[in-house]
Amino acid sequence: MNGEHGTCRVLLLCGSLRQGSTNSALLATARVVAPDGVEAVPFDGAAGLSHFNPDDDAEPLPAGVAELRRSLGDADALLISTPEYAGALPGSFKNVFDWAVGGGEIYEKPVAWVNVATSSGGAANAHRSLRLVLGYAGTDIVEDACTAIPVQRADVGPDGLVTDPAKRAELTVVLRTLADHVRLRRT
């Protein structure tokens, strides 16, 4: 656990670069509803990462890649929310993981995702792709924290946060489940 008081640091990774996305609204809300002992920290650098090239995966790393790997290394767990584009993970989001694999910071890292799609089966292919990528990277997928919390645009207030109390409570449970998993692994 990071921090002087055993705080669990959960890095929030959004698969959408679109301003006003329901995925980013959910993750922004995670910062607000995080239970005691959980610090939810966003990674906002996905748009600035260069396209993955193994030739560039050497010191000195591109600045954005160094920041990504530092953020991943500082995190106790990862929480992901991503849409589906063209039947799979968005390319820009896959790029995050292409860079992450080389550094090893996500190996055995507890990870979960929340699907915000409102249609039945929405983003299912993206989450299958995500499971494949995370398995390849050797992460610890926390099944009990992987869930669907459908978010419509009407559920997002002018501050960019999810307003529905039930959905906010579900998100708090996800964060608590991730943190409890981290704590159990450490004992």
N, C-alpha and C. Protein backbone atom coordinates (compact mmCIF):
# COMPACT_ATOMS: atom_id res chain seq x y z
N MET A 1 0.84 -1.17 0.00
CA MET A 1 0.00 0.00 0.00
C MET A 1 0.89 1.24 0.00
N ASN A 2 0.52 2.18 -0.78
CA ASN A 2 1.27 3.43 -0.83
C ASN A 2 0.81 4.36 0.28
N GLY A 3 1.57 5.38 0.49
CA GLY A 3 1.18 6.41 1.46
C GLY A 3 1.54 6.02 2.87
N GLU A 4 1.61 7.03 3.73
CA GLU A 4 2.04 6.80 5.10
C GLU A 4 0.98 6.13 5.95
N HIS A 5 -0.28 6.16 5.52
CA HIS A 5 -1.35 5.58 6.31
C HIS A 5 -1.96 4.35 5.63
N GLY A 6 -1.21 3.73 4.72
CA GLY A 6 -1.71 2.53 4.08
C GLY A 6 -2.80 2.78 3.05
N THR A 7 -2.78 3.93 2.43
CA THR A 7 -3.77 4.24 1.40
C THR A 7 -3.50 3.40 0.16
N CYS A 8 -4.56 2.89 -0.41
CA CYS A 8 -4.47 2.14 -1.66
C CYS A 8 -4.61 3.12 -2.82
N ARG A 9 -3.59 3.18 -3.66
CA ARG A 9 -3.61 4.09 -4.81
C ARG A 9 -4.11 3.33 -6.04
N VAL A 10 -5.25 3.77 -6.56
CA VAL A 10 -5.85 3.16 -7.73
C VAL A 10 -5.67 4.11 -8.92
N LEU A 11 -4.95 3.64 -9.92
CA LEU A 11 -4.74 4.45 -11.12
C LEU A 11 -5.93 4.25 -12.05
N LEU A 12 -6.53 5.34 -12.50
CA LEU A 12 -7.70 5.32 -13.36
C LEU A 12 -7.27 5.48 -14.81
N LEU A 13 -7.60 4.49 -15.63
CA LEU A 13 -7.21 4.50 -17.04
C LEU A 13 -8.46 4.52 -17.91
N CYS A 14 -8.59 5.56 -18.72
CA CYS A 14 -9.76 5.72 -19.58
C CYS A 14 -9.39 5.38 -21.02
N GLY A 15 -10.23 4.56 -21.65
CA GLY A 15 -9.99 4.18 -23.04
C GLY A 15 -10.52 5.16 -24.05
N SER A 16 -11.19 6.20 -23.60
CA SER A 16 -11.73 7.21 -24.52
C SER A 16 -10.96 8.51 -24.39
N LEU A 17 -10.64 9.08 -25.52
CA LEU A 17 -9.99 10.40 -25.53
C LEU A 17 -11.02 11.51 -25.73
N ARG A 18 -12.25 11.13 -26.02
CA ARG A 18 -13.30 12.11 -26.33
C ARG A 18 -13.70 12.90 -25.09
N GLN A 19 -13.74 14.20 -25.23
CA GLN A 19 -14.20 15.05 -24.14
C GLN A 19 -15.68 14.76 -23.90
N GLY A 20 -16.05 14.62 -22.65
CA GLY A 20 -17.44 14.37 -22.31
C GLY A 20 -17.85 12.92 -22.43
N SER A 21 -16.91 12.00 -22.55
CA SER A 21 -17.28 10.59 -22.65
C SER A 21 -17.83 10.09 -21.32
N THR A 22 -18.75 9.14 -21.39
CA THR A 22 -19.30 8.57 -20.16
C THR A 22 -18.25 7.73 -19.43
N ASN A 23 -17.27 7.19 -20.15
CA ASN A 23 -16.18 6.46 -19.51
C ASN A 23 -15.35 7.40 -18.64
N SER A 24 -15.02 8.56 -19.19
CA SER A 24 -14.22 9.51 -18.40
C SER A 24 -15.05 10.10 -17.26
N ALA A 25 -16.37 10.26 -17.46
CA ALA A 25 -17.23 10.76 -16.38
C ALA A 25 -17.24 9.76 -15.22
N LEU A 26 -17.33 8.48 -15.53
CA LEU A 26 -17.32 7.48 -14.47
C LEU A 26 -16.01 7.53 -13.69
N LEU A 27 -14.89 7.61 -14.41
CA LEU A 27 -13.60 7.63 -13.71
C LEU A 27 -13.39 8.92 -12.94
N ALA A 28 -13.88 10.04 -13.45
CA ALA A 28 -13.79 11.29 -12.69
C ALA A 28 -14.62 11.17 -11.40
N THR A 29 -15.74 10.48 -11.49
CA THR A 29 -16.58 10.27 -10.32
C THR A 29 -15.88 9.38 -9.30
N ALA A 30 -15.07 8.44 -9.78
CA ALA A 30 -14.33 7.55 -8.87
C ALA A 30 -13.46 8.36 -7.91
N ARG A 31 -12.92 9.45 -8.37
CA ARG A 31 -12.08 10.29 -7.50
C ARG A 31 -12.89 10.86 -6.35
N VAL A 32 -14.16 11.15 -6.61
CA VAL A 32 -15.03 11.79 -5.63
C VAL A 32 -15.62 10.78 -4.64
N VAL A 33 -15.93 9.58 -5.13
CA VAL A 33 -16.62 8.59 -4.30
C VAL A 33 -15.68 7.55 -3.68
N ALA A 34 -14.39 7.72 -3.88
CA ALA A 34 -13.43 6.75 -3.32
C ALA A 34 -13.61 6.66 -1.81
N PRO A 35 -13.71 5.44 -1.29
CA PRO A 35 -13.90 5.28 0.15
C PRO A 35 -12.62 5.62 0.91
N ASP A 36 -12.75 5.77 2.22
CA ASP A 36 -11.57 6.04 3.05
C ASP A 36 -10.52 4.97 2.78
N GLY A 37 -9.29 5.40 2.69
CA GLY A 37 -8.19 4.48 2.45
C GLY A 37 -7.91 4.21 0.98
N VAL A 38 -8.67 4.85 0.08
CA VAL A 38 -8.46 4.68 -1.35
C VAL A 38 -8.23 6.05 -1.98
N GLU A 39 -7.16 6.17 -2.72
CA GLU A 39 -6.88 7.37 -3.50
C GLU A 39 -6.99 7.00 -4.97
N ALA A 40 -7.96 7.58 -5.66
CA ALA A 40 -8.17 7.33 -7.08
C ALA A 40 -7.47 8.43 -7.87
N VAL A 41 -6.50 8.04 -8.69
CA VAL A 41 -5.64 8.99 -9.40
C VAL A 41 -5.76 8.78 -10.90
N PRO A 42 -6.14 9.81 -11.67
CA PRO A 42 -6.28 9.62 -13.12
C PRO A 42 -4.94 9.64 -13.84
N PHE A 43 -4.86 8.88 -14.93
CA PHE A 43 -3.75 9.03 -15.87
C PHE A 43 -4.33 9.72 -17.09
N ASP A 44 -3.85 10.92 -17.35
CA ASP A 44 -4.40 11.73 -18.43
C ASP A 44 -3.46 11.85 -19.64
N GLY A 45 -2.46 11.01 -19.71
CA GLY A 45 -1.45 11.17 -20.75
C GLY A 45 -1.58 10.29 -21.97
N ALA A 46 -2.69 9.55 -22.11
CA ALA A 46 -2.81 8.61 -23.23
C ALA A 46 -2.72 9.32 -24.59
N ALA A 47 -3.33 10.47 -24.71
CA ALA A 47 -3.34 11.18 -26.00
C ALA A 47 -1.95 11.64 -26.42
N GLY A 48 -1.07 11.84 -25.46
CA GLY A 48 0.26 12.33 -25.77
C GLY A 48 1.32 11.26 -26.00
N LEU A 49 0.93 10.00 -25.86
CA LEU A 49 1.91 8.93 -26.07
C LEU A 49 2.21 8.77 -27.56
N SER A 50 3.48 8.59 -27.87
CA SER A 50 3.85 8.30 -29.25
C SER A 50 3.39 6.89 -29.59
N HIS A 51 3.24 6.62 -30.87
CA HIS A 51 2.87 5.27 -31.29
C HIS A 51 3.96 4.31 -30.84
N PHE A 52 3.54 3.16 -30.32
CA PHE A 52 4.50 2.20 -29.82
C PHE A 52 5.41 1.72 -30.94
N ASN A 53 6.69 1.74 -30.66
CA ASN A 53 7.71 1.20 -31.54
C ASN A 53 8.75 0.56 -30.64
N PRO A 54 8.97 -0.75 -30.75
CA PRO A 54 9.94 -1.41 -29.88
C PRO A 54 11.33 -0.77 -29.93
N ASP A 55 11.67 -0.15 -31.05
CA ASP A 55 12.97 0.51 -31.16
C ASP A 55 13.09 1.70 -30.21
N ASP A 56 11.95 2.28 -29.84
CA ASP A 56 11.95 3.44 -28.95
C ASP A 56 11.81 3.05 -27.47
N ASP A 57 11.68 1.74 -27.21
CA ASP A 57 11.50 1.27 -25.84
C ASP A 57 12.86 1.05 -25.19
N ALA A 58 13.59 2.16 -25.07
CA ALA A 58 14.93 2.13 -24.48
C ALA A 58 15.19 3.48 -23.83
N GLU A 59 16.12 3.49 -22.89
CA GLU A 59 16.48 4.75 -22.23
C GLU A 59 17.23 5.64 -23.20
N PRO A 60 16.97 6.91 -23.21
CA PRO A 60 15.92 7.58 -22.44
C PRO A 60 14.57 7.37 -23.12
N LEU A 61 13.58 7.02 -22.32
CA LEU A 61 12.22 6.82 -22.84
C LEU A 61 11.60 8.16 -23.22
N PRO A 62 10.68 8.14 -24.19
CA PRO A 62 9.92 9.36 -24.45
C PRO A 62 9.25 9.82 -23.15
N ALA A 63 9.13 11.11 -22.95
CA ALA A 63 8.64 11.66 -21.68
C ALA A 63 7.27 11.09 -21.29
N GLY A 64 6.36 10.99 -22.24
CA GLY A 64 5.03 10.47 -21.93
C GLY A 64 5.07 9.02 -21.47
N VAL A 65 5.94 8.24 -22.07
CA VAL A 65 6.08 6.83 -21.69
C VAL A 65 6.68 6.73 -20.29
N ALA A 66 7.67 7.54 -20.00
CA ALA A 66 8.27 7.54 -18.66
C ALA A 66 7.21 7.90 -17.61
N GLU A 67 6.34 8.87 -17.91
CA GLU A 67 5.28 9.26 -16.99
C GLU A 67 4.27 8.13 -16.82
N LEU A 68 3.90 7.48 -17.91
CA LEU A 68 2.98 6.34 -17.83
C LEU A 68 3.56 5.27 -16.92
N ARG A 69 4.78 4.88 -17.16
CA ARG A 69 5.39 3.80 -16.38
C ARG A 69 5.57 4.19 -14.91
N ARG A 70 5.88 5.46 -14.66
CA ARG A 70 5.97 5.91 -13.26
C ARG A 70 4.61 5.81 -12.59
N SER A 71 3.57 6.27 -13.29
CA SER A 71 2.21 6.23 -12.74
C SER A 71 1.77 4.79 -12.47
N LEU A 72 2.07 3.90 -13.40
CA LEU A 72 1.72 2.49 -13.21
C LEU A 72 2.49 1.89 -12.03
N GLY A 73 3.75 2.22 -11.92
CA GLY A 73 4.57 1.70 -10.83
C GLY A 73 4.14 2.21 -9.47
N ASP A 74 3.65 3.44 -9.41
CA ASP A 74 3.21 4.04 -8.15
C ASP A 74 1.84 3.52 -7.70
N ALA A 75 1.11 2.91 -8.62
CA ALA A 75 -0.25 2.46 -8.31
C ALA A 75 -0.23 1.09 -7.63
N ASP A 76 -1.20 0.90 -6.73
CA ASP A 76 -1.41 -0.41 -6.12
C ASP A 76 -2.36 -1.25 -6.97
N ALA A 77 -3.22 -0.60 -7.74
CA ALA A 77 -4.21 -1.28 -8.57
C ALA A 77 -4.61 -0.35 -9.71
N LEU A 78 -5.27 -0.93 -10.72
CA LEU A 78 -5.74 -0.17 -11.87
C LEU A 78 -7.24 -0.35 -12.01
N LEU A 79 -7.94 0.74 -12.33
CA LEU A 79 -9.35 0.67 -12.68
C LEU A 79 -9.51 1.27 -14.07
N ILE A 80 -10.13 0.50 -14.95
CA ILE A 80 -10.24 0.85 -16.36
C ILE A 80 -11.70 1.03 -16.75
N SER A 81 -11.95 1.98 -17.63
CA SER A 81 -13.25 2.11 -18.28
C SER A 81 -12.96 2.48 -19.73
N THR A 82 -13.49 1.67 -20.64
CA THR A 82 -13.19 1.89 -22.05
C THR A 82 -14.38 1.60 -22.94
N PRO A 83 -14.53 2.38 -24.00
CA PRO A 83 -15.54 2.04 -25.00
C PRO A 83 -14.97 1.01 -25.97
N GLU A 84 -15.77 0.65 -26.93
CA GLU A 84 -15.35 -0.24 -28.00
C GLU A 84 -15.36 0.55 -29.29
N TYR A 85 -14.28 0.46 -30.06
CA TYR A 85 -14.22 1.08 -31.39
C TYR A 85 -13.88 -0.02 -32.39
N ALA A 86 -14.60 -0.06 -33.47
CA ALA A 86 -14.34 -1.03 -34.55
C ALA A 86 -14.22 -2.46 -34.03
N GLY A 87 -15.04 -2.79 -33.03
CA GLY A 87 -15.10 -4.15 -32.53
C GLY A 87 -14.01 -4.57 -31.58
N ALA A 88 -13.25 -3.63 -31.04
CA ALA A 88 -12.16 -3.98 -30.13
C ALA A 88 -11.80 -2.77 -29.27
N LEU A 89 -10.66 -2.86 -28.60
CA LEU A 89 -10.16 -1.72 -27.83
C LEU A 89 -9.84 -0.56 -28.77
N PRO A 90 -10.08 0.67 -28.35
CA PRO A 90 -9.62 1.81 -29.14
C PRO A 90 -8.10 1.73 -29.34
N GLY A 91 -7.64 2.06 -30.52
CA GLY A 91 -6.21 1.97 -30.83
C GLY A 91 -5.34 2.77 -29.88
N SER A 92 -5.79 3.96 -29.53
CA SER A 92 -5.00 4.80 -28.62
C SER A 92 -4.87 4.15 -27.25
N PHE A 93 -5.90 3.40 -26.84
CA PHE A 93 -5.85 2.75 -25.54
C PHE A 93 -4.97 1.50 -25.59
N LYS A 94 -5.04 0.76 -26.68
CA LYS A 94 -4.15 -0.39 -26.85
C LYS A 94 -2.70 0.09 -26.83
N ASN A 95 -2.44 1.27 -27.35
CA ASN A 95 -1.10 1.85 -27.35
C ASN A 95 -0.59 2.03 -25.92
N VAL A 96 -1.48 2.41 -24.98
CA VAL A 96 -1.10 2.54 -23.58
C VAL A 96 -0.53 1.21 -23.08
N PHE A 97 -1.24 0.13 -23.38
CA PHE A 97 -0.80 -1.18 -22.89
C PHE A 97 0.43 -1.70 -23.64
N ASP A 98 0.56 -1.36 -24.92
CA ASP A 98 1.77 -1.74 -25.65
C ASP A 98 3.00 -1.15 -24.96
N TRP A 99 2.91 0.11 -24.55
CA TRP A 99 4.01 0.74 -23.83
C TRP A 99 4.16 0.18 -22.42
N ALA A 100 3.06 -0.16 -21.78
CA ALA A 100 3.10 -0.63 -20.39
C ALA A 100 3.77 -1.99 -20.27
N VAL A 101 3.58 -2.86 -21.24
CA VAL A 101 4.10 -4.22 -21.16
C VAL A 101 5.62 -4.22 -21.03
N GLY A 102 6.29 -3.38 -21.79
CA GLY A 102 7.75 -3.39 -21.81
C GLY A 102 8.41 -3.04 -20.49
N GLY A 103 7.72 -2.26 -19.67
CA GLY A 103 8.32 -1.83 -18.41
C GLY A 103 8.09 -2.81 -17.26
N GLY A 104 7.10 -3.66 -17.38
CA GLY A 104 6.82 -4.64 -16.33
C GLY A 104 6.08 -4.10 -15.12
N GLU A 105 5.70 -2.84 -15.13
CA GLU A 105 5.03 -2.25 -13.96
C GLU A 105 3.65 -2.82 -13.69
N ILE A 106 3.02 -3.41 -14.71
CA ILE A 106 1.67 -3.94 -14.47
C ILE A 106 1.68 -5.44 -14.20
N TYR A 107 2.83 -6.07 -14.22
CA TYR A 107 2.90 -7.50 -13.94
C TYR A 107 2.40 -7.77 -12.52
N GLU A 108 1.42 -8.65 -12.41
CA GLU A 108 0.76 -9.03 -11.16
C GLU A 108 0.03 -7.88 -10.47
N LYS A 109 -0.17 -6.79 -11.17
CA LYS A 109 -0.90 -5.64 -10.61
C LYS A 109 -2.40 -5.95 -10.62
N PRO A 110 -3.10 -5.79 -9.48
CA PRO A 110 -4.55 -5.98 -9.47
C PRO A 110 -5.22 -4.97 -10.39
N VAL A 111 -6.17 -5.46 -11.18
CA VAL A 111 -6.84 -4.62 -12.16
C VAL A 111 -8.30 -5.04 -12.30
N ALA A 112 -9.14 -4.05 -12.57
CA ALA A 112 -10.56 -4.29 -12.83
C ALA A 112 -11.03 -3.26 -13.84
N TRP A 113 -12.21 -3.54 -14.41
CA TRP A 113 -12.80 -2.58 -15.33
C TRP A 113 -14.28 -2.46 -15.08
N VAL A 114 -14.80 -1.30 -15.50
CA VAL A 114 -16.23 -1.04 -15.42
C VAL A 114 -16.71 -0.73 -16.84
N ASN A 115 -17.75 -1.42 -17.26
CA ASN A 115 -18.35 -1.22 -18.57
C ASN A 115 -19.52 -0.24 -18.39
N VAL A 116 -19.46 0.91 -19.05
CA VAL A 116 -20.52 1.91 -18.92
C VAL A 116 -21.54 1.85 -20.07
N ALA A 117 -21.35 0.93 -21.00
CA ALA A 117 -22.25 0.83 -22.16
C ALA A 117 -23.68 0.61 -21.69
N THR A 118 -24.61 1.26 -22.36
CA THR A 118 -26.02 1.15 -21.99
C THR A 118 -26.77 0.12 -22.81
N SER A 119 -26.17 -0.34 -23.91
CA SER A 119 -26.84 -1.36 -24.72
C SER A 119 -26.40 -2.75 -24.26
N SER A 120 -27.29 -3.70 -24.43
CA SER A 120 -27.00 -5.07 -24.03
C SER A 120 -25.79 -5.58 -24.83
N GLY A 121 -24.79 -6.04 -24.13
CA GLY A 121 -23.58 -6.54 -24.79
C GLY A 121 -22.65 -5.45 -25.28
N GLY A 122 -23.00 -4.19 -25.02
CA GLY A 122 -22.16 -3.08 -25.47
C GLY A 122 -20.75 -3.18 -24.93
N ALA A 123 -19.78 -2.97 -25.76
CA ALA A 123 -18.35 -2.99 -25.44
C ALA A 123 -17.84 -4.38 -25.06
N ALA A 124 -18.64 -5.42 -25.33
CA ALA A 124 -18.21 -6.78 -24.97
C ALA A 124 -16.91 -7.18 -25.68
N ASN A 125 -16.78 -6.80 -26.95
CA ASN A 125 -15.55 -7.15 -27.67
C ASN A 125 -14.35 -6.39 -27.10
N ALA A 126 -14.56 -5.15 -26.71
CA ALA A 126 -13.47 -4.38 -26.10
C ALA A 126 -13.01 -5.04 -24.81
N HIS A 127 -13.96 -5.52 -24.02
CA HIS A 127 -13.60 -6.13 -22.75
C HIS A 127 -12.97 -7.51 -22.94
N ARG A 128 -13.36 -8.22 -23.99
CA ARG A 128 -12.66 -9.47 -24.32
C ARG A 128 -11.22 -9.17 -24.74
N SER A 129 -11.05 -8.12 -25.55
CA SER A 129 -9.70 -7.71 -25.96
C SER A 129 -8.89 -7.28 -24.75
N LEU A 130 -9.52 -6.53 -23.86
CA LEU A 130 -8.85 -6.06 -22.66
C LEU A 130 -8.39 -7.24 -21.80
N ARG A 131 -9.28 -8.22 -21.63
CA ARG A 131 -8.92 -9.41 -20.86
C ARG A 131 -7.71 -10.12 -21.48
N LEU A 132 -7.69 -10.21 -22.81
CA LEU A 132 -6.58 -10.85 -23.51
C LEU A 132 -5.27 -10.09 -23.26
N VAL A 133 -5.32 -8.78 -23.43
CA VAL A 133 -4.12 -7.94 -23.24
C VAL A 133 -3.64 -8.00 -21.78
N LEU A 134 -4.57 -7.89 -20.84
CA LEU A 134 -4.19 -7.91 -19.42
C LEU A 134 -3.66 -9.28 -19.01
N GLY A 135 -4.22 -10.34 -19.58
CA GLY A 135 -3.70 -11.68 -19.31
C GLY A 135 -2.29 -11.84 -19.86
N TYR A 136 -2.07 -11.35 -21.06
CA TYR A 136 -0.74 -11.42 -21.66
C TYR A 136 0.28 -10.66 -20.81
N ALA A 137 -0.15 -9.54 -20.25
CA ALA A 137 0.74 -8.71 -19.43
C ALA A 137 0.94 -9.27 -18.03
N GLY A 138 0.21 -10.33 -17.68
CA GLY A 138 0.40 -10.96 -16.37
C GLY A 138 -0.22 -10.21 -15.22
N THR A 139 -1.29 -9.45 -15.50
CA THR A 139 -1.95 -8.72 -14.41
C THR A 139 -2.81 -9.67 -13.58
N ASP A 140 -3.24 -9.19 -12.45
CA ASP A 140 -4.12 -9.93 -11.55
C ASP A 140 -5.53 -9.36 -11.73
N ILE A 141 -6.34 -9.98 -12.58
CA ILE A 141 -7.69 -9.47 -12.84
C ILE A 141 -8.58 -9.81 -11.65
N VAL A 142 -9.13 -8.79 -11.03
CA VAL A 142 -9.99 -8.94 -9.85
C VAL A 142 -11.43 -9.06 -10.35
N GLU A 143 -11.84 -10.30 -10.56
CA GLU A 143 -13.15 -10.56 -11.18
C GLU A 143 -14.29 -9.92 -10.40
N ASP A 144 -14.22 -9.94 -9.08
CA ASP A 144 -15.31 -9.39 -8.26
C ASP A 144 -15.47 -7.88 -8.43
N ALA A 145 -14.46 -7.22 -8.97
CA ALA A 145 -14.52 -5.78 -9.17
C ALA A 145 -14.83 -5.40 -10.62
N CYS A 146 -14.85 -6.37 -11.52
CA CYS A 146 -15.19 -6.11 -12.92
C CYS A 146 -16.71 -6.15 -13.05
N THR A 147 -17.29 -5.07 -13.53
CA THR A 147 -18.75 -4.99 -13.54
C THR A 147 -19.23 -4.04 -14.62
N ALA A 148 -20.53 -3.99 -14.75
CA ALA A 148 -21.18 -3.03 -15.64
C ALA A 148 -21.94 -2.02 -14.79
N ILE A 149 -21.70 -0.77 -15.06
CA ILE A 149 -22.47 0.33 -14.47
C ILE A 149 -22.89 1.21 -15.65
N PRO A 150 -24.03 0.92 -16.26
CA PRO A 150 -24.45 1.68 -17.44
C PRO A 150 -24.61 3.17 -17.12
N VAL A 151 -23.98 3.99 -17.95
CA VAL A 151 -24.05 5.45 -17.76
C VAL A 151 -24.52 6.09 -19.06
N GLN A 152 -25.64 6.78 -18.98
CA GLN A 152 -26.13 7.56 -20.12
C GLN A 152 -25.67 9.00 -19.96
N ARG A 153 -25.68 9.71 -21.06
CA ARG A 153 -25.28 11.13 -20.99
C ARG A 153 -26.13 11.90 -19.98
N ALA A 154 -27.40 11.53 -19.85
CA ALA A 154 -28.29 12.22 -18.90
C ALA A 154 -27.89 11.95 -17.45
N ASP A 155 -27.07 10.91 -17.21
CA ASP A 155 -26.60 10.59 -15.87
C ASP A 155 -25.41 11.46 -15.45
N VAL A 156 -24.90 12.27 -16.37
CA VAL A 156 -23.70 13.08 -16.11
C VAL A 156 -24.12 14.53 -15.93
N GLY A 157 -23.73 15.10 -14.79
CA GLY A 157 -24.06 16.49 -14.49
C GLY A 157 -23.15 17.46 -15.19
N PRO A 158 -23.42 18.76 -15.04
CA PRO A 158 -22.61 19.79 -15.69
C PRO A 158 -21.16 19.80 -15.21
N ASP A 159 -20.92 19.20 -14.04
CA ASP A 159 -19.55 19.13 -13.53
C ASP A 159 -18.78 17.95 -14.10
N GLY A 160 -19.43 17.16 -14.99
CA GLY A 160 -18.77 16.02 -15.62
C GLY A 160 -18.78 14.76 -14.77
N LEU A 161 -19.55 14.76 -13.68
CA LEU A 161 -19.60 13.62 -12.78
C LEU A 161 -20.95 12.91 -12.89
N VAL A 162 -20.92 11.60 -12.65
CA VAL A 162 -22.14 10.82 -12.62
C VAL A 162 -22.95 11.26 -11.41
N THR A 163 -24.24 11.55 -11.64
CA THR A 163 -25.08 12.09 -10.57
C THR A 163 -25.91 11.03 -9.86
N ASP A 164 -26.20 9.92 -10.49
CA ASP A 164 -27.07 8.89 -9.92
C ASP A 164 -26.46 8.28 -8.67
N PRO A 165 -27.13 8.43 -7.50
CA PRO A 165 -26.57 7.92 -6.24
C PRO A 165 -26.32 6.41 -6.25
N ALA A 166 -27.19 5.64 -6.90
CA ALA A 166 -27.00 4.19 -6.94
C ALA A 166 -25.75 3.82 -7.74
N LYS A 167 -25.53 4.52 -8.84
CA LYS A 167 -24.35 4.24 -9.67
C LYS A 167 -23.08 4.67 -8.94
N ARG A 168 -23.16 5.77 -8.24
CA ARG A 168 -22.01 6.22 -7.45
C ARG A 168 -21.69 5.20 -6.35
N ALA A 169 -22.73 4.66 -5.73
CA ALA A 169 -22.53 3.66 -4.67
C ALA A 169 -21.90 2.39 -5.25
N GLU A 170 -22.34 1.97 -6.44
CA GLU A 170 -21.75 0.80 -7.09
C GLU A 170 -20.26 1.03 -7.37
N LEU A 171 -19.93 2.22 -7.79
CA LEU A 171 -18.55 2.55 -8.08
C LEU A 171 -17.70 2.52 -6.80
N THR A 172 -18.26 3.00 -5.71
CA THR A 172 -17.56 2.93 -4.43
C THR A 172 -17.27 1.48 -4.05
N VAL A 173 -18.22 0.60 -4.30
CA VAL A 173 -18.03 -0.83 -4.01
C VAL A 173 -16.89 -1.40 -4.87
N VAL A 174 -16.84 -1.02 -6.12
CA VAL A 174 -15.76 -1.48 -7.01
C VAL A 174 -14.40 -1.07 -6.43
N LEU A 175 -14.28 0.19 -6.05
CA LEU A 175 -13.02 0.68 -5.50
C LEU A 175 -12.66 -0.03 -4.19
N ARG A 176 -13.65 -0.24 -3.35
CA ARG A 176 -13.42 -0.94 -2.08
C ARG A 176 -12.99 -2.39 -2.34
N THR A 177 -13.61 -3.03 -3.31
CA THR A 177 -13.26 -4.41 -3.65
C THR A 177 -11.82 -4.50 -4.14
N LEU A 178 -11.42 -3.57 -4.99
CA LEU A 178 -10.03 -3.53 -5.46
C LEU A 178 -9.07 -3.33 -4.29
N ALA A 179 -9.38 -2.37 -3.43
CA ALA A 179 -8.51 -2.07 -2.28
C ALA A 179 -8.44 -3.26 -1.33
N ASP A 180 -9.56 -3.92 -1.08
CA ASP A 180 -9.56 -5.10 -0.21
C ASP A 180 -8.69 -6.20 -0.80
N HIS A 181 -8.75 -6.36 -2.12
CA HIS A 181 -7.93 -7.36 -2.79
C HIS A 181 -6.44 -7.05 -2.60
N VAL A 182 -6.10 -5.79 -2.76
CA VAL A 182 -4.70 -5.37 -2.57
C VAL A 182 -4.26 -5.68 -1.13
N ARG A 183 -5.10 -5.32 -0.18
CA ARG A 183 -4.75 -5.55 1.24
C ARG A 183 -4.58 -7.04 1.54
N LEU A 184 -5.47 -7.88 1.00
CA LEU A 184 -5.36 -9.33 1.22
C LEU A 184 -4.09 -9.91 0.62
N ARG A 185 -3.70 -9.40 -0.53
CA ARG A 185 -2.46 -9.87 -1.16
C ARG A 185 -1.23 -9.53 -0.32
N ARG A 186 -1.33 -8.44 0.41
CA ARG A 186 -0.17 -7.96 1.18
C ARG A 186 -0.03 -8.62 2.52
N THR A 187 -1.04 -9.39 2.96
CA THR A 187 -0.96 -10.01 4.30
C THR A 187 -0.38 -11.41 4.22
